[in-house]
N, C-alpha and C. Protein backbone atom coordinates (compact mmCIF):
# COMPACT_ATOMS: atom_id res chain seq x y z
N UNK A 1 68.76 -6.06 107.02
CA UNK A 1 70.15 -5.71 106.77
C UNK A 1 70.27 -4.27 106.28
N UNK A 2 69.33 -3.86 105.39
CA UNK A 2 69.37 -2.49 104.89
C UNK A 2 69.16 -1.49 106.02
N UNK A 3 68.25 -1.83 106.95
CA UNK A 3 68.00 -0.93 108.07
C UNK A 3 69.25 -0.79 108.93
N UNK A 4 69.94 -1.91 109.17
CA UNK A 4 71.14 -1.87 109.98
C UNK A 4 72.23 -1.02 109.32
N UNK A 5 72.39 -1.14 108.03
CA UNK A 5 73.37 -0.34 107.30
C UNK A 5 73.01 1.13 107.35
N UNK A 6 71.71 1.43 107.25
CA UNK A 6 71.25 2.81 107.29
C UNK A 6 71.51 3.42 108.67
N UNK A 7 71.22 2.66 109.73
CA UNK A 7 71.48 3.14 111.08
C UNK A 7 72.97 3.33 111.33
N UNK A 8 73.78 2.43 110.82
CA UNK A 8 75.23 2.56 110.97
C UNK A 8 75.73 3.81 110.25
N UNK A 9 75.26 4.03 109.03
CA UNK A 9 75.66 5.23 108.28
C UNK A 9 75.21 6.49 108.98
N UNK A 10 74.00 6.47 109.52
CA UNK A 10 73.48 7.63 110.25
C UNK A 10 74.31 7.89 111.51
N UNK A 11 74.69 6.82 112.21
CA UNK A 11 75.52 6.95 113.40
C UNK A 11 76.88 7.53 113.07
N UNK A 12 77.50 7.05 112.01
CA UNK A 12 78.81 7.57 111.60
C UNK A 12 78.70 9.04 111.21
N UNK A 13 77.65 9.39 110.49
CA UNK A 13 77.46 10.79 110.08
C UNK A 13 77.26 11.69 111.30
N UNK A 14 76.51 11.22 112.27
CA UNK A 14 76.28 12.00 113.49
C UNK A 14 77.58 12.22 114.25
N UNK A 15 78.37 11.17 114.37
CA UNK A 15 79.67 11.30 115.05
C UNK A 15 80.57 12.27 114.29
N UNK A 16 80.57 12.18 112.97
CA UNK A 16 81.37 13.09 112.15
C UNK A 16 80.99 14.54 112.36
N UNK A 17 79.68 14.81 112.41
CA UNK A 17 79.21 16.19 112.63
C UNK A 17 79.61 16.65 114.03
N UNK A 18 79.48 15.78 115.02
CA UNK A 18 79.85 16.15 116.38
C UNK A 18 81.34 16.46 116.50
N UNK A 19 82.18 15.64 115.87
CA UNK A 19 83.62 15.87 115.90
C UNK A 19 83.97 17.17 115.18
N UNK A 20 83.36 17.41 114.02
CA UNK A 20 83.62 18.65 113.28
C UNK A 20 83.19 19.87 114.08
N UNK A 21 82.06 19.80 114.76
CA UNK A 21 81.59 20.92 115.57
C UNK A 21 82.54 21.17 116.74
N UNK A 22 83.04 20.10 117.34
CA UNK A 22 83.98 20.24 118.45
C UNK A 22 85.28 20.88 117.98
N UNK A 23 85.80 20.41 116.87
CA UNK A 23 87.03 20.97 116.32
C UNK A 23 86.83 22.44 115.96
N UNK A 24 85.70 22.77 115.35
CA UNK A 24 85.42 24.17 115.00
C UNK A 24 85.36 25.01 116.26
N UNK A 25 84.70 24.52 117.28
CA UNK A 25 84.58 25.26 118.54
C UNK A 25 85.94 25.48 119.18
N UNK A 26 86.82 24.49 119.12
CA UNK A 26 88.14 24.62 119.73
C UNK A 26 88.99 25.68 119.05
N UNK A 27 88.74 25.96 117.80
CA UNK A 27 89.56 26.93 117.08
C UNK A 27 89.17 28.37 117.37
N UNK A 28 88.00 28.58 117.89
CA UNK A 28 87.55 29.93 118.16
C UNK A 28 88.44 30.61 119.18
N UNK A 29 88.71 31.89 118.97
CA UNK A 29 89.39 32.68 119.98
C UNK A 29 88.37 32.97 121.07
N UNK A 30 88.59 32.37 122.22
CA UNK A 30 87.65 32.52 123.32
C UNK A 30 88.19 33.55 124.30
N UNK A 31 87.41 34.59 124.59
CA UNK A 31 87.85 35.54 125.61
C UNK A 31 87.90 34.85 126.97
N UNK A 32 88.96 35.14 127.71
CA UNK A 32 89.09 34.58 129.06
C UNK A 32 89.51 35.68 130.01
N UNK A 33 89.41 35.41 131.29
CA UNK A 33 89.85 36.34 132.31
C UNK A 33 91.32 36.17 132.63
N UNK A 34 91.90 37.18 133.24
CA UNK A 34 93.32 37.17 133.59
C UNK A 34 93.67 35.95 134.44
N UNK A 35 92.80 35.60 135.37
CA UNK A 35 93.09 34.48 136.27
C UNK A 35 93.13 33.14 135.55
N UNK A 36 92.62 33.09 134.32
CA UNK A 36 92.64 31.85 133.54
C UNK A 36 93.93 31.68 132.74
N UNK A 37 94.75 32.71 132.70
CA UNK A 37 96.06 32.59 132.06
C UNK A 37 96.93 31.65 132.89
N UNK A 38 97.82 30.90 132.27
CA UNK A 38 98.77 30.10 133.07
C UNK A 38 99.57 31.02 134.01
N UNK A 39 99.91 30.50 135.17
CA UNK A 39 100.62 31.29 136.19
C UNK A 39 101.91 31.91 135.64
N UNK A 40 102.63 31.17 134.82
CA UNK A 40 103.88 31.68 134.26
C UNK A 40 103.63 32.91 133.38
N UNK A 41 102.55 32.90 132.63
CA UNK A 41 102.19 34.06 131.79
C UNK A 41 101.82 35.25 132.67
N UNK A 42 101.07 34.99 133.73
CA UNK A 42 100.70 36.07 134.65
C UNK A 42 101.94 36.72 135.25
N UNK A 43 102.90 35.90 135.65
CA UNK A 43 104.14 36.42 136.25
C UNK A 43 104.91 37.27 135.24
N UNK A 44 104.94 36.84 133.98
CA UNK A 44 105.61 37.60 132.93
C UNK A 44 104.98 38.99 132.79
N UNK A 45 103.66 39.03 132.69
CA UNK A 45 102.96 40.31 132.54
C UNK A 45 103.21 41.19 133.76
N UNK A 46 103.13 40.63 134.93
CA UNK A 46 103.33 41.41 136.16
C UNK A 46 104.76 41.91 136.30
N UNK A 47 105.73 41.12 135.84
CA UNK A 47 107.13 41.52 135.96
C UNK A 47 107.50 42.60 134.95
N UNK A 48 107.13 42.40 133.69
CA UNK A 48 107.60 43.30 132.64
C UNK A 48 106.62 44.40 132.27
N UNK A 49 105.39 44.26 132.68
CA UNK A 49 104.38 45.27 132.32
C UNK A 49 103.55 45.67 133.53
N UNK A 50 104.20 45.80 134.67
CA UNK A 50 103.52 46.23 135.90
C UNK A 50 102.92 47.61 135.67
N UNK A 51 101.69 47.77 136.06
CA UNK A 51 101.04 49.06 135.93
C UNK A 51 100.40 49.30 134.57
N UNK A 52 100.57 48.39 133.62
CA UNK A 52 99.94 48.52 132.30
C UNK A 52 98.67 47.67 132.30
N UNK A 53 97.56 48.27 131.93
CA UNK A 53 96.29 47.55 131.91
C UNK A 53 96.28 46.45 130.86
N UNK A 54 95.66 45.33 131.21
CA UNK A 54 95.40 44.26 130.25
C UNK A 54 94.03 44.55 129.67
N UNK A 55 93.97 44.77 128.34
CA UNK A 55 92.67 45.12 127.74
C UNK A 55 91.85 43.90 127.36
N UNK A 56 92.49 42.87 126.86
CA UNK A 56 91.77 41.62 126.64
C UNK A 56 92.72 40.45 126.43
N UNK A 57 92.17 39.27 126.70
CA UNK A 57 92.92 38.02 126.59
C UNK A 57 92.05 37.02 125.84
N UNK A 58 92.66 36.32 124.90
CA UNK A 58 91.93 35.25 124.23
C UNK A 58 92.74 33.96 124.31
N UNK A 59 92.00 32.86 124.34
CA UNK A 59 92.61 31.54 124.31
C UNK A 59 92.24 30.93 122.96
N UNK A 60 93.25 30.49 122.24
CA UNK A 60 93.05 29.90 120.92
C UNK A 60 93.47 28.44 121.00
N UNK A 61 92.50 27.56 120.92
CA UNK A 61 92.79 26.13 121.00
C UNK A 61 92.47 25.46 119.68
N UNK A 62 93.31 24.52 119.32
CA UNK A 62 92.97 23.62 118.23
C UNK A 62 93.26 22.21 118.73
N UNK A 63 93.21 21.27 117.86
CA UNK A 63 93.34 19.88 118.27
C UNK A 63 94.71 19.61 118.90
N UNK A 64 95.76 20.29 118.45
CA UNK A 64 97.11 19.96 118.92
C UNK A 64 97.74 20.97 119.88
N UNK A 65 97.19 22.17 120.00
CA UNK A 65 97.86 23.16 120.84
C UNK A 65 96.88 24.19 121.40
N UNK A 66 97.37 24.90 122.39
CA UNK A 66 96.64 26.02 122.99
C UNK A 66 97.57 27.21 123.06
N UNK A 67 97.08 28.37 122.66
CA UNK A 67 97.85 29.61 122.76
C UNK A 67 96.99 30.67 123.43
N UNK A 68 97.67 31.59 124.08
CA UNK A 68 97.00 32.71 124.73
C UNK A 68 97.52 34.00 124.12
N UNK A 69 96.63 34.89 123.77
CA UNK A 69 97.01 36.20 123.25
C UNK A 69 96.56 37.25 124.25
N UNK A 70 97.51 38.07 124.68
CA UNK A 70 97.24 39.11 125.66
C UNK A 70 97.50 40.45 124.99
N UNK A 71 96.54 41.36 125.08
CA UNK A 71 96.70 42.71 124.54
C UNK A 71 96.68 43.68 125.71
N UNK A 72 97.70 44.54 125.74
CA UNK A 72 97.84 45.51 126.83
C UNK A 72 97.36 46.89 126.40
N UNK A 73 97.10 47.72 127.38
CA UNK A 73 96.60 49.07 127.13
C UNK A 73 97.56 49.94 126.34
N UNK A 74 98.84 49.63 126.34
CA UNK A 74 99.81 50.42 125.57
C UNK A 74 99.98 49.89 124.14
N UNK A 75 99.17 48.90 123.75
CA UNK A 75 99.22 48.36 122.40
C UNK A 75 100.08 47.13 122.24
N UNK A 76 100.82 46.75 123.27
CA UNK A 76 101.66 45.56 123.21
C UNK A 76 100.81 44.31 123.13
N UNK A 77 101.24 43.39 122.26
CA UNK A 77 100.57 42.09 122.15
C UNK A 77 101.59 41.02 122.52
N UNK A 78 101.16 40.10 123.37
CA UNK A 78 102.04 39.02 123.81
C UNK A 78 101.33 37.69 123.55
N UNK A 79 102.07 36.77 122.95
CA UNK A 79 101.53 35.43 122.72
C UNK A 79 102.26 34.46 123.63
N UNK A 80 101.47 33.63 124.31
CA UNK A 80 102.01 32.61 125.21
C UNK A 80 101.58 31.23 124.73
N UNK A 81 102.39 30.22 125.01
CA UNK A 81 101.99 28.86 124.70
C UNK A 81 101.18 28.29 125.87
N UNK A 82 100.80 27.04 125.77
CA UNK A 82 99.95 26.41 126.79
C UNK A 82 100.60 26.39 128.17
N UNK A 83 101.94 26.36 128.21
CA UNK A 83 102.66 26.34 129.48
C UNK A 83 102.87 27.74 130.07
N UNK A 84 102.45 28.76 129.34
CA UNK A 84 102.62 30.13 129.81
C UNK A 84 103.94 30.75 129.44
N UNK A 85 104.70 30.10 128.56
CA UNK A 85 105.96 30.69 128.09
C UNK A 85 105.67 31.64 126.95
N UNK A 86 106.29 32.81 126.96
CA UNK A 86 106.04 33.77 125.89
C UNK A 86 106.66 33.25 124.60
N UNK A 87 105.96 33.48 123.50
CA UNK A 87 106.42 33.08 122.17
C UNK A 87 106.69 34.30 121.30
N UNK A 88 105.91 35.36 121.53
CA UNK A 88 106.03 36.56 120.70
C UNK A 88 105.64 37.76 121.55
N UNK A 89 106.49 38.78 121.52
CA UNK A 89 106.18 40.05 122.17
C UNK A 89 106.29 41.11 121.10
N UNK A 90 105.16 41.74 120.78
CA UNK A 90 105.09 42.78 119.76
C UNK A 90 104.71 44.08 120.44
N UNK A 91 105.71 44.94 120.66
CA UNK A 91 105.49 46.20 121.37
C UNK A 91 105.19 47.35 120.42
N UNK A 92 105.06 47.06 119.14
CA UNK A 92 104.79 48.03 118.07
C UNK A 92 105.90 49.07 117.99
N UNK A 93 105.69 50.23 118.54
CA UNK A 93 106.67 51.31 118.37
C UNK A 93 107.60 51.48 119.57
N UNK A 94 107.30 50.80 120.66
CA UNK A 94 108.19 50.91 121.82
C UNK A 94 109.06 49.66 121.92
N UNK A 95 110.07 49.71 122.74
CA UNK A 95 111.01 48.60 122.86
C UNK A 95 110.43 47.47 123.71
N UNK A 96 110.74 46.25 123.33
CA UNK A 96 110.38 45.11 124.18
C UNK A 96 111.29 45.17 125.40
N UNK A 97 110.90 44.55 126.50
CA UNK A 97 111.77 44.57 127.68
C UNK A 97 113.15 43.97 127.36
N UNK A 98 114.19 44.71 127.66
CA UNK A 98 115.53 44.26 127.29
C UNK A 98 115.93 42.97 128.00
N UNK A 99 115.34 42.70 129.16
CA UNK A 99 115.69 41.48 129.90
C UNK A 99 115.24 40.20 129.20
N UNK A 100 114.31 40.29 128.25
CA UNK A 100 113.86 39.08 127.56
C UNK A 100 114.65 38.83 126.27
N UNK A 101 115.45 39.80 125.86
CA UNK A 101 116.22 39.67 124.62
C UNK A 101 117.50 38.88 124.93
N UNK A 102 117.73 37.78 124.20
CA UNK A 102 118.99 37.06 124.42
C UNK A 102 120.19 37.99 124.23
N UNK A 103 121.19 37.83 125.09
CA UNK A 103 122.33 38.76 125.09
C UNK A 103 123.04 38.79 123.74
N UNK A 104 123.09 37.66 123.03
CA UNK A 104 123.76 37.62 121.73
C UNK A 104 123.02 38.51 120.71
N UNK A 105 121.70 38.48 120.76
CA UNK A 105 120.91 39.31 119.85
C UNK A 105 121.03 40.77 120.24
N UNK A 106 120.95 41.04 121.54
CA UNK A 106 121.07 42.42 122.02
C UNK A 106 122.42 43.01 121.61
N UNK A 107 123.50 42.25 121.79
CA UNK A 107 124.83 42.72 121.42
C UNK A 107 124.92 43.00 119.93
N UNK A 108 124.38 42.11 119.12
CA UNK A 108 124.43 42.28 117.67
C UNK A 108 123.67 43.55 117.25
N UNK A 109 122.49 43.75 117.80
CA UNK A 109 121.69 44.93 117.45
C UNK A 109 122.38 46.20 117.95
N UNK A 110 122.88 46.19 119.17
CA UNK A 110 123.57 47.36 119.71
C UNK A 110 124.78 47.74 118.86
N UNK A 111 125.50 46.75 118.37
CA UNK A 111 126.70 47.00 117.58
C UNK A 111 126.38 47.45 116.15
N UNK A 112 125.41 46.81 115.52
CA UNK A 112 125.16 47.04 114.11
C UNK A 112 124.00 47.98 113.79
N UNK A 113 123.15 48.22 114.76
CA UNK A 113 121.97 49.08 114.53
C UNK A 113 121.79 50.02 115.71
N UNK A 114 122.89 50.70 116.03
CA UNK A 114 122.90 51.61 117.18
C UNK A 114 121.73 52.60 117.10
N UNK A 115 121.04 52.74 118.21
CA UNK A 115 119.91 53.67 118.28
C UNK A 115 118.57 53.05 117.92
N UNK A 116 118.58 51.84 117.35
CA UNK A 116 117.33 51.15 117.04
C UNK A 116 116.87 50.35 118.25
N UNK A 117 115.58 50.33 118.45
CA UNK A 117 114.99 49.49 119.49
C UNK A 117 114.48 48.20 118.86
N UNK A 118 114.47 47.14 119.63
CA UNK A 118 113.81 45.91 119.22
C UNK A 118 112.35 46.06 119.61
N UNK A 119 111.47 46.12 118.62
CA UNK A 119 110.06 46.36 118.88
C UNK A 119 109.22 45.08 118.81
N UNK A 120 109.81 44.02 118.26
CA UNK A 120 109.15 42.72 118.28
C UNK A 120 110.21 41.63 118.38
N UNK A 121 109.93 40.66 119.24
CA UNK A 121 110.83 39.53 119.44
C UNK A 121 109.97 38.27 119.44
N UNK A 122 110.33 37.37 118.55
CA UNK A 122 109.53 36.16 118.40
C UNK A 122 110.42 34.93 118.43
N UNK A 123 110.05 33.98 119.27
CA UNK A 123 110.75 32.70 119.32
C UNK A 123 110.16 31.80 118.24
N UNK A 124 111.02 31.31 117.40
CA UNK A 124 110.58 30.36 116.37
C UNK A 124 111.12 28.99 116.72
N UNK A 125 110.66 28.01 116.02
CA UNK A 125 111.10 26.64 116.28
C UNK A 125 112.62 26.51 116.13
N UNK A 126 113.19 27.18 115.12
CA UNK A 126 114.63 27.03 114.85
C UNK A 126 115.39 28.33 115.00
N UNK A 127 114.89 29.25 115.81
CA UNK A 127 115.61 30.49 115.97
C UNK A 127 114.74 31.62 116.48
N UNK A 128 115.08 32.83 116.04
CA UNK A 128 114.46 34.04 116.54
C UNK A 128 114.17 35.00 115.39
N UNK A 129 113.04 35.69 115.46
CA UNK A 129 112.72 36.78 114.56
C UNK A 129 112.73 38.06 115.38
N UNK A 130 113.37 39.09 114.82
CA UNK A 130 113.52 40.37 115.51
C UNK A 130 113.08 41.47 114.56
N UNK A 131 112.26 42.38 115.05
CA UNK A 131 111.88 43.54 114.25
C UNK A 131 112.41 44.78 114.96
N UNK A 132 113.09 45.63 114.18
CA UNK A 132 113.67 46.86 114.73
C UNK A 132 112.75 48.04 114.49
N UNK A 133 112.97 49.10 115.26
CA UNK A 133 112.12 50.29 115.16
C UNK A 133 112.20 50.94 113.79
N UNK A 134 113.28 50.75 113.04
CA UNK A 134 113.37 51.33 111.69
C UNK A 134 112.63 50.48 110.65
N UNK A 135 112.10 49.32 111.08
CA UNK A 135 111.33 48.47 110.18
C UNK A 135 112.08 47.25 109.67
N UNK A 136 113.39 47.18 109.90
CA UNK A 136 114.16 46.02 109.47
C UNK A 136 113.75 44.79 110.28
N UNK A 137 113.76 43.66 109.60
CA UNK A 137 113.50 42.39 110.28
C UNK A 137 114.74 41.52 110.17
N UNK A 138 115.17 41.00 111.30
CA UNK A 138 116.35 40.16 111.37
C UNK A 138 115.93 38.76 111.79
N UNK A 139 116.57 37.76 111.19
CA UNK A 139 116.33 36.39 111.61
C UNK A 139 117.64 35.79 112.09
N UNK A 140 117.56 35.12 113.25
CA UNK A 140 118.71 34.46 113.84
C UNK A 140 118.38 32.98 113.98
N UNK A 141 119.38 32.12 113.78
CA UNK A 141 119.15 30.69 114.00
C UNK A 141 119.26 30.41 115.50
N UNK A 142 119.13 29.16 115.87
CA UNK A 142 119.13 28.80 117.29
C UNK A 142 120.49 29.02 117.97
N UNK A 143 121.55 29.17 117.15
CA UNK A 143 122.88 29.48 117.70
C UNK A 143 123.15 30.99 117.66
N UNK A 144 122.09 31.77 117.39
CA UNK A 144 122.15 33.24 117.38
C UNK A 144 123.02 33.79 116.24
N UNK A 145 123.12 33.04 115.15
CA UNK A 145 123.81 33.56 113.95
C UNK A 145 122.76 34.22 113.07
N UNK A 146 123.09 35.41 112.57
CA UNK A 146 122.18 36.11 111.67
C UNK A 146 122.03 35.31 110.38
N UNK A 147 120.80 35.03 109.98
CA UNK A 147 120.56 34.25 108.77
C UNK A 147 119.87 35.05 107.68
N UNK A 148 119.19 36.16 108.07
CA UNK A 148 118.48 36.94 107.07
C UNK A 148 118.19 38.34 107.59
N UNK A 149 118.25 39.30 106.66
CA UNK A 149 117.84 40.68 106.94
C UNK A 149 116.81 41.04 105.89
N UNK A 150 115.67 41.53 106.34
CA UNK A 150 114.59 41.88 105.42
C UNK A 150 114.11 43.28 105.75
N UNK A 151 113.98 44.08 104.71
CA UNK A 151 113.47 45.45 104.96
C UNK A 151 112.12 45.57 104.43
């Protein structure tokens, strides 16, 4: 009986180590090739950043989700979800493509922060985060109402 309990405990410990190693491995940012990006992400890069080199791409997986991070030669960083939909475009000092900015946000920024570019646009679960070239950060809810301004 003692031997059986010892073997059972050893088996459970082995499975635990294997699961932990798998989970740890899934969290690593794994470099991937452009062709491994979801097709929707590839189309986004080709449409809005034609002619800009892709310097590297990583796939970040955990137990519940997969994300892709794309870094371009001009310094822009784009985060995509598992379906290839963009979640965050961080253009640093240059403007994000105006076609991806919801018209309500674009109108608000044009009216209230004339001359500022939107340099980062992030889709959140309940709204949008916007960073302007002057450094201000704006938060909008899902109905595009301004909820916070942070400098």
